[in-house]
Protein backbone atom coordinates (compact mmCIF):
# COMPACT_ATOMS: atom_id res chain seq x y z
CA MET A 1 -17.60 -43.04 28.71
CA ALA A 2 -16.35 -39.90 30.38
CA GLU A 3 -18.48 -36.80 30.02
CA THR A 4 -16.88 -34.03 27.92
CA HIS A 5 -17.24 -30.29 28.41
CA PRO A 6 -16.42 -28.69 25.05
CA ASN A 7 -17.58 -25.27 26.21
CA HIS A 8 -14.82 -25.31 28.82
CA ILE A 9 -12.13 -26.09 26.25
CA HIS A 10 -12.92 -24.67 22.81
CA ASN A 11 -13.00 -20.92 22.01
CA THR A 12 -13.26 -20.02 25.66
CA ARG A 13 -12.58 -16.34 24.98
CA ILE A 14 -14.54 -15.97 21.72
CA THR A 15 -17.72 -13.96 22.21
CA GLU A 16 -19.09 -13.95 18.65
CA GLU A 17 -18.51 -15.49 15.22
CA THR A 18 -19.60 -14.02 11.87
CA LEU A 19 -19.41 -15.86 8.57
CA VAL A 20 -17.25 -13.87 6.13
CA LEU A 21 -18.44 -14.24 2.56
CA PRO A 22 -15.88 -15.86 0.23
CA PRO A 23 -14.04 -13.96 -2.53
CA ILE A 24 -16.18 -15.46 -5.32
CA VAL A 25 -19.21 -13.53 -4.06
CA TRP A 26 -17.47 -10.20 -4.51
CA LYS A 27 -15.82 -11.21 -7.81
CA ARG A 28 -19.26 -11.91 -9.26
CA MET A 29 -20.77 -8.76 -7.77
CA PHE A 30 -17.92 -6.51 -8.98
CA PRO A 31 -16.38 -8.24 -12.02
CA ILE A 32 -13.06 -7.03 -13.39
CA GLN A 33 -13.82 -6.43 -17.04
CA GLY A 34 -13.82 -3.69 -19.63
CA ALA A 35 -12.26 -0.42 -18.47
CA ALA A 36 -11.46 -1.81 -15.01
CA TYR A 37 -9.56 -4.76 -16.49
CA GLU A 38 -7.63 -2.52 -18.86
CA SER A 39 -6.74 -0.13 -16.04
CA VAL A 40 -5.28 -2.86 -13.82
CA THR A 41 -3.36 -4.69 -16.53
CA ALA A 42 -1.95 -1.47 -18.01
CA GLY A 43 -0.94 -0.19 -14.58
CA ARG A 44 0.93 -3.39 -13.77
CA ARG A 45 2.74 -3.41 -17.13
CA GLN A 46 3.81 0.20 -16.70
CA LEU A 47 5.05 -0.28 -13.14
CA GLU A 48 6.96 -3.42 -14.13
CA ALA A 49 8.65 -1.40 -16.89
CA ILE A 50 9.60 1.32 -14.40
CA LEU A 51 11.04 -1.30 -12.04
CA ASP A 52 13.07 -3.05 -14.73
CA GLY A 53 14.34 0.27 -16.12
CA SER A 54 12.75 0.06 -19.55
CA ASP A 55 10.42 2.97 -18.69
CA PRO A 56 12.32 6.04 -17.39
CA ARG A 57 9.26 7.57 -15.71
CA LYS A 58 8.82 7.61 -11.95
CA ALA A 59 6.04 5.98 -9.93
CA ILE A 60 4.13 8.33 -7.61
CA ILE A 61 2.22 6.26 -5.04
CA ALA A 62 -0.03 8.76 -3.31
CA GLY A 63 -3.17 8.67 -1.23
CA PRO A 64 -4.53 8.43 2.31
CA CYS A 65 -2.66 6.66 5.07
CA SER A 66 -5.82 4.55 5.39
CA ILE A 67 -9.15 5.10 3.65
CA ALA A 68 -11.97 5.68 6.12
CA PHE A 69 -14.65 7.41 4.02
CA PRO A 70 -15.33 6.09 0.49
CA GLU A 71 -16.88 9.14 -1.20
CA PRO A 72 -14.08 11.61 -0.36
CA ALA A 73 -11.62 8.88 -1.37
CA TYR A 74 -13.29 8.63 -4.77
CA ARG A 75 -13.12 12.41 -5.20
CA LEU A 76 -9.41 12.20 -4.43
CA ALA A 77 -9.12 9.42 -7.04
CA GLU A 78 -10.73 11.70 -9.63
CA TYR A 79 -8.24 14.44 -8.71
CA LEU A 80 -5.29 12.05 -9.05
CA TYR A 81 -6.62 10.72 -12.34
CA HIS A 82 -6.72 14.21 -13.83
CA LEU A 83 -3.19 14.89 -12.56
CA GLN A 84 -2.09 11.68 -14.23
CA GLN A 85 -3.49 12.81 -17.58
CA LEU A 86 -1.52 16.04 -17.35
CA LEU A 87 1.76 14.54 -16.09
CA LYS A 88 1.85 11.07 -17.64
CA ASP A 89 4.97 11.83 -19.69
CA GLU A 90 7.04 11.80 -16.49
CA PHE A 91 4.95 10.01 -13.85
CA LEU A 92 2.80 6.97 -13.27
CA ILE A 93 0.42 7.99 -10.48
CA ILE A 94 -0.85 5.10 -8.37
CA MET A 95 -3.40 5.74 -5.62
CA ARG A 96 -2.86 4.38 -2.13
CA THR A 97 -5.98 2.36 -1.25
CA TYR A 98 -4.94 1.02 2.14
CA TRP A 99 -7.64 -0.88 4.02
CA GLU A 100 -5.82 -2.65 6.87
CA LYS A 101 -4.04 -0.67 9.57
CA PRO A 102 -1.18 -2.44 11.36
CA ARG A 103 -1.04 -1.61 15.03
CA SER A 104 1.72 -1.74 17.61
CA GLY A 105 -0.90 -0.78 20.20
CA LEU A 106 -4.63 -0.18 20.41
CA GLY A 107 -6.70 1.66 17.82
CA TRP A 108 -8.72 1.41 14.63
CA GLN A 109 -7.63 -1.53 12.48
CA GLY A 110 -8.88 -0.21 9.15
CA LEU A 111 -12.03 -0.02 7.05
CA LEU A 112 -11.81 -3.65 5.93
CA VAL A 113 -12.48 -4.94 9.44
CA ASP A 114 -14.23 -1.98 11.13
CA PRO A 115 -15.94 0.07 8.40
CA HIS A 116 -18.24 1.98 10.79
CA LEU A 117 -15.34 3.08 13.03
CA ASP A 118 -17.29 2.00 16.08
CA GLY A 119 -15.77 -1.33 17.09
CA SER A 120 -18.61 -3.34 15.48
CA TYR A 121 -16.24 -5.25 13.12
CA ASP A 122 -18.78 -5.56 10.30
CA VAL A 123 -16.29 -7.31 8.02
CA ASN A 124 -18.70 -8.14 5.19
CA HIS A 125 -19.74 -4.49 4.96
CA GLY A 126 -16.05 -3.55 5.02
CA LEU A 127 -15.32 -5.88 2.12
CA GLU A 128 -18.27 -4.59 0.12
CA THR A 129 -17.29 -0.97 0.77
CA ALA A 130 -13.63 -1.49 -0.16
CA ILE A 131 -14.25 -3.64 -3.23
CA SER A 132 -17.03 -1.40 -4.52
CA LEU A 133 -14.78 1.66 -4.26
CA MET A 134 -11.83 -0.10 -5.87
CA HIS A 135 -14.06 -1.19 -8.74
CA ARG A 136 -15.13 2.43 -9.29
CA ILE A 137 -11.52 3.66 -9.20
CA ALA A 138 -10.35 0.94 -11.59
CA THR A 139 -13.19 1.80 -13.98
CA LEU A 140 -12.13 5.45 -13.77
CA GLY A 141 -8.71 4.34 -15.03
CA LEU A 142 -6.45 4.97 -12.04
CA PRO A 143 -4.00 2.29 -10.84
CA MET A 144 -4.08 1.41 -7.13
CA ALA A 145 -1.70 0.24 -4.41
CA THR A 146 -2.37 -1.44 -1.08
CA GLU A 147 -0.69 -3.17 1.84
CA PHE A 148 -1.37 -6.86 2.42
CA LEU A 149 -1.51 -7.31 6.18
CA ASP A 150 -3.56 -10.51 6.41
CA THR A 151 -2.48 -13.31 4.07
CA ASP A 152 -6.12 -13.93 3.09
CA THR A 153 -6.54 -10.35 1.86
CA PRO A 154 -5.02 -10.88 -1.62
CA SER A 155 -7.78 -13.37 -2.46
CA TYR A 156 -10.29 -10.54 -2.03
CA LEU A 157 -8.45 -7.44 -3.28
CA SER A 158 -5.55 -8.36 -5.53
CA ASP A 159 -7.49 -8.23 -8.82
CA PHE A 160 -7.59 -4.44 -8.47
CA ILE A 161 -4.00 -3.84 -7.39
CA THR A 162 -1.04 -2.53 -9.39
CA GLU A 163 1.45 -2.34 -6.48
CA ALA A 164 1.29 -4.20 -3.18
CA THR A 165 3.36 -3.60 -0.08
CA ILE A 166 4.52 -5.72 2.81
CA GLY A 167 4.78 -3.35 5.75
CA ALA A 168 7.59 -2.66 8.18
CA ARG A 169 6.12 -4.94 10.85
CA ASP A 170 5.71 -7.95 8.52
CA VAL A 171 8.78 -7.70 6.31
CA ALA A 172 10.66 -10.43 8.19
CA SER A 173 7.67 -12.82 8.18
CA GLN A 174 8.33 -15.98 6.17
CA THR A 175 4.60 -16.36 5.52
CA HIS A 176 4.39 -12.87 4.00
CA ARG A 177 7.52 -13.46 1.92
CA ASN A 178 6.04 -16.68 0.54
CA MET A 179 2.76 -14.92 -0.18
CA ALA A 180 4.68 -12.15 -1.98
CA SER A 181 6.28 -14.74 -4.25
CA GLY A 182 2.83 -15.64 -5.57
CA VAL A 183 0.93 -12.37 -5.94
CA SER A 184 0.15 -11.13 -9.43
CA MET A 185 1.59 -7.63 -9.16
CA PRO A 186 4.91 -5.96 -8.21
CA ILE A 187 5.39 -5.96 -4.47
CA GLY A 188 7.40 -3.63 -2.25
CA PHE A 189 9.04 -4.46 1.07
CA LYS A 190 9.48 -1.68 3.60
CA ASN A 191 12.48 -1.55 5.90
CA THR A 192 11.68 -2.23 9.56
CA THR A 193 10.32 0.42 11.92
CA SER A 194 13.82 0.74 13.44
CA GLY A 195 15.29 1.46 10.00
CA ASP A 196 16.97 -1.92 9.34
CA VAL A 197 16.99 -2.47 5.57
CA MET A 198 18.42 -6.01 5.52
CA PRO A 199 15.07 -7.77 6.16
CA ALA A 200 13.59 -5.93 3.15
CA ILE A 201 16.56 -6.83 0.95
CA GLU A 202 16.34 -10.47 1.99
CA ALA A 203 12.59 -10.42 1.38
CA VAL A 204 13.14 -9.21 -2.21
CA ARG A 205 15.59 -12.07 -2.80
CA TYR A 206 13.35 -14.60 -1.07
CA ALA A 207 10.17 -13.64 -2.94
CA ARG A 208 11.96 -13.96 -6.29
CA ASN A 209 12.00 -17.74 -5.84
CA SER A 210 9.18 -20.26 -5.82
CA GLY A 211 7.55 -20.83 -2.46
CA HIS A 212 4.48 -22.08 -0.65
CA PHE A 213 1.91 -20.64 1.70
CA GLU A 214 -1.58 -21.36 2.95
CA GLY A 215 -4.44 -19.10 2.04
CA ILE A 216 -8.02 -19.19 0.80
CA ASN A 217 -9.20 -19.74 -2.76
CA ASP A 218 -12.08 -17.96 -4.48
CA PHE A 219 -14.60 -20.23 -2.78
CA GLY A 220 -13.22 -19.61 0.70
CA PHE A 221 -11.57 -23.01 1.17
CA ARG A 222 -8.24 -23.17 2.95
CA VAL A 223 -5.69 -24.29 0.35
CA SER A 224 -1.98 -24.87 0.02
CA MET A 225 -0.59 -22.62 -2.71
CA LYS A 226 2.65 -23.23 -4.59
CA THR A 227 4.15 -20.08 -6.12
CA GLN A 228 6.49 -19.42 -9.04
CA GLY A 229 8.31 -16.40 -7.63
CA ASN A 230 7.90 -12.66 -8.13
CA PRO A 231 10.62 -10.90 -10.16
CA TYR A 232 9.25 -7.44 -9.37
CA GLY A 233 9.98 -7.25 -5.67
CA HIS A 234 11.52 -3.93 -4.59
CA VAL A 235 12.67 -2.19 -1.42
CA ILE A 236 10.74 0.77 -0.05
CA LEU A 237 12.78 3.06 2.19
CA ARG A 238 10.55 4.48 4.92
CA GLY A 239 13.16 5.59 7.43
CA GLY A 240 13.30 4.44 11.03
CA HIS A 241 14.78 6.00 14.13
CA THR A 242 16.49 8.28 11.61
CA PRO A 243 15.64 9.05 7.96
CA ASN A 244 17.20 7.05 5.11
CA HIS A 245 16.15 9.15 2.12
CA ASP A 246 19.42 11.14 1.94
CA GLU A 247 21.86 10.68 -0.94
CA LYS A 248 24.45 8.77 1.09
CA SER A 249 21.94 6.31 2.56
CA VAL A 250 20.23 5.72 -0.79
CA ALA A 251 23.53 5.08 -2.59
CA GLU A 252 24.72 2.68 0.11
CA ILE A 253 21.47 0.72 0.07
CA GLN A 254 21.44 0.51 -3.72
CA GLU A 255 25.02 -0.76 -3.69
CA LEU A 256 24.09 -3.36 -1.08
CA LEU A 257 21.17 -4.48 -3.24
CA ARG A 258 23.50 -4.90 -6.22
CA LYS A 259 25.97 -6.93 -4.13
CA LYS A 260 23.13 -9.17 -2.98
CA GLY A 261 21.98 -9.69 -6.55
CA ALA A 262 18.69 -7.87 -5.90
CA ASN A 263 16.93 -5.14 -7.87
CA PRO A 264 18.59 -1.79 -6.94
CA ARG A 265 15.57 0.21 -8.08
CA ILE A 266 13.97 1.47 -4.91
CA ILE A 267 10.95 3.54 -3.93
CA VAL A 268 11.31 6.18 -1.20
CA ASP A 269 8.47 6.71 1.26
CA CYS A 270 8.35 10.42 2.05
CA SER A 271 6.34 9.83 5.24
CA HIS A 272 6.88 7.75 8.40
CA GLY A 273 10.49 7.75 9.63
CA ASN A 274 11.69 9.76 6.64
CA SER A 275 9.41 12.66 7.57
CA GLN A 276 10.14 12.09 11.27
CA LYS A 277 6.37 11.56 11.56
CA ASP A 278 5.63 15.18 10.65
CA TYR A 279 3.53 15.43 7.48
CA ARG A 280 4.89 18.93 6.84
CA ASN A 281 8.29 17.34 6.14
CA GLN A 282 7.01 15.20 3.28
CA PRO A 283 7.63 17.93 0.66
CA ILE A 284 11.20 18.32 1.97
CA VAL A 285 11.85 14.59 1.54
CA PHE A 286 10.22 14.62 -1.90
CA GLU A 287 12.39 17.50 -3.08
CA ASP A 288 15.54 15.81 -1.78
CA VAL A 289 14.71 12.60 -3.65
CA LEU A 290 13.87 14.59 -6.80
CA ARG A 291 17.25 16.31 -6.57
CA GLN A 292 18.96 12.90 -6.47
CA ILE A 293 17.02 11.81 -9.56
CA ARG A 294 17.96 14.99 -11.41
CA ASN A 295 21.59 14.41 -10.41
CA GLY A 296 21.58 11.07 -12.19
CA ASN A 297 20.26 8.42 -9.78
CA SER A 298 17.99 6.68 -12.30
CA GLU A 299 17.60 3.69 -9.97
CA ILE A 300 15.21 5.62 -7.74
CA ALA A 301 12.01 4.25 -9.25
CA GLY A 302 9.58 6.53 -7.45
CA VAL A 303 8.20 7.92 -4.23
CA MET A 304 5.33 7.28 -1.87
CA LEU A 305 3.38 10.10 -0.20
CA GLU A 306 0.50 10.19 2.27
CA VAL A 307 -2.12 12.53 0.79
CA ASN A 308 -5.73 13.37 1.51
CA ILE A 309 -8.12 16.05 0.32
CA ARG A 310 -7.22 18.24 3.27
CA GLU A 311 -4.03 18.22 5.31
CA GLY A 312 -3.37 16.97 8.82
CA ASN A 313 -5.24 14.33 10.77
CA GLN A 314 -7.81 13.83 13.48
CA LYS A 315 -7.50 11.39 16.36
CA LEU A 316 -9.68 8.37 17.05
CA PRO A 317 -10.10 6.91 20.53
CA ASP A 318 -8.20 3.70 21.31
CA GLN A 319 -11.48 2.01 22.19
CA LEU A 320 -14.05 2.61 19.46
CA GLU A 321 -17.13 0.84 20.85
CA GLY A 322 -20.03 3.24 20.47
CA PHE A 323 -17.96 5.98 18.80
CA ASP A 324 -19.95 8.30 16.51
CA SER A 325 -17.92 8.70 13.31
CA SER A 326 -20.30 11.41 12.03
CA THR A 327 -18.37 13.82 14.26
CA LEU A 328 -15.32 13.43 11.99
CA ASP A 329 -14.32 15.46 8.94
CA PRO A 330 -14.39 12.88 6.09
CA GLU A 331 -11.81 14.84 4.08
CA VAL A 332 -9.10 14.57 6.77
CA SER A 333 -7.09 11.47 7.72
CA VAL A 334 -8.06 9.53 10.83
CA THR A 335 -4.66 7.81 11.02
CA ASP A 336 -1.31 9.33 9.95
CA ALA A 337 -1.35 13.01 9.06
CA CYS A 338 -1.31 13.72 5.32
CA ILE A 339 -0.42 16.56 3.01
CA SER A 340 -3.32 18.04 1.02
CA GLN A 341 -4.12 17.21 -2.59
CA GLY A 342 -3.26 20.81 -3.46
CA THR A 343 0.21 20.45 -1.95
CA LEU A 344 0.70 17.25 -3.96
CA LYS A 345 -0.32 19.04 -7.15
CA ASP A 346 2.21 21.80 -6.53
CA LEU A 347 4.97 19.27 -5.81
CA LEU A 348 4.25 17.24 -8.93
CA PHE A 349 3.96 20.20 -11.26
CA GLU A 350 7.25 21.60 -10.01
CA ALA A 351 8.88 18.16 -10.27
CA TYR A 352 7.50 17.73 -13.79
CA GLN A 353 9.06 20.98 -14.89
CA GLY A 354 12.33 20.09 -13.20
CA LEU A 355 12.53 16.74 -14.97
CA ARG A 356 11.46 18.13 -18.34
CA HIS A 357 13.76 21.13 -18.12
CA PRO A 358 16.62 20.24 -15.76
CA ARG A 359 18.70 23.07 -14.39
CA ALA A 360 22.09 23.51 -15.97
């Protein structure tokens, strides 16, 4: 019998393996019940009603580009919750709780996989940190949104989520479209980074039908999942090489959605390509979208904004091994630059007055 050399064949470039605890561990540690359960189910019902047009309010999906520090994020959640109580007649405020950071190049990949921001990839600590914070926010009573980058992520996080997003880099992925057809909440599809909206429109149509994908169950076993389809898929306009939040672009995209038999109710991302990657332009985009709503475009279902306690951002090194995250300001974004919570408050209060008392 010939001698085999498995070490020369299998995992030749893997330097370390860590067992990731299955979803059931976290579900038992942080059960969705009581106030948390009511918060998630009510948030989903309200967003579904906004997306089907039976609720005329607008969704405001606001929060950090990516959460890096849990305690400041919870303080922001408290701030958003109090805004929601004041403005709930016109808005459903949903907090961005984004844990995975898609990358076209090098850099931090998000708290879920690198919670210490030092290249140590302590995934179990990342899961515990994220799920613990989401449990606190759900118990507070604030709905949450996230982006599903890895197709295993919904098994861990989806119980807390009111709105999920498939990002601009994954919108054409058949696996992500199939996954979207089975998740338990409304799901948005962003146009591509270049600005092409057709992949997002096709994704909405695709996810509406039954599908199949492979993922993990609560016990961590790889399973084949058959889905029934998601009727609450929607397009999120995030701009591209040029913005697509303007009245002409929005109307054309909504008409294209109608012709394709897809939901014409869209959400406009005020950041990314629409802000031309300058956070100071987010209020300009928001005000333009609000003007379109006041002028009668009821099929704009809401907006998305990148918000943190303090404005701007701070840069991380591409290679994080050994980086000391204590040198960072925990109230300022470490990824995309954000507007401040105070700027958001001013925007929403002005918008509230404009919608309650429209100009003649």
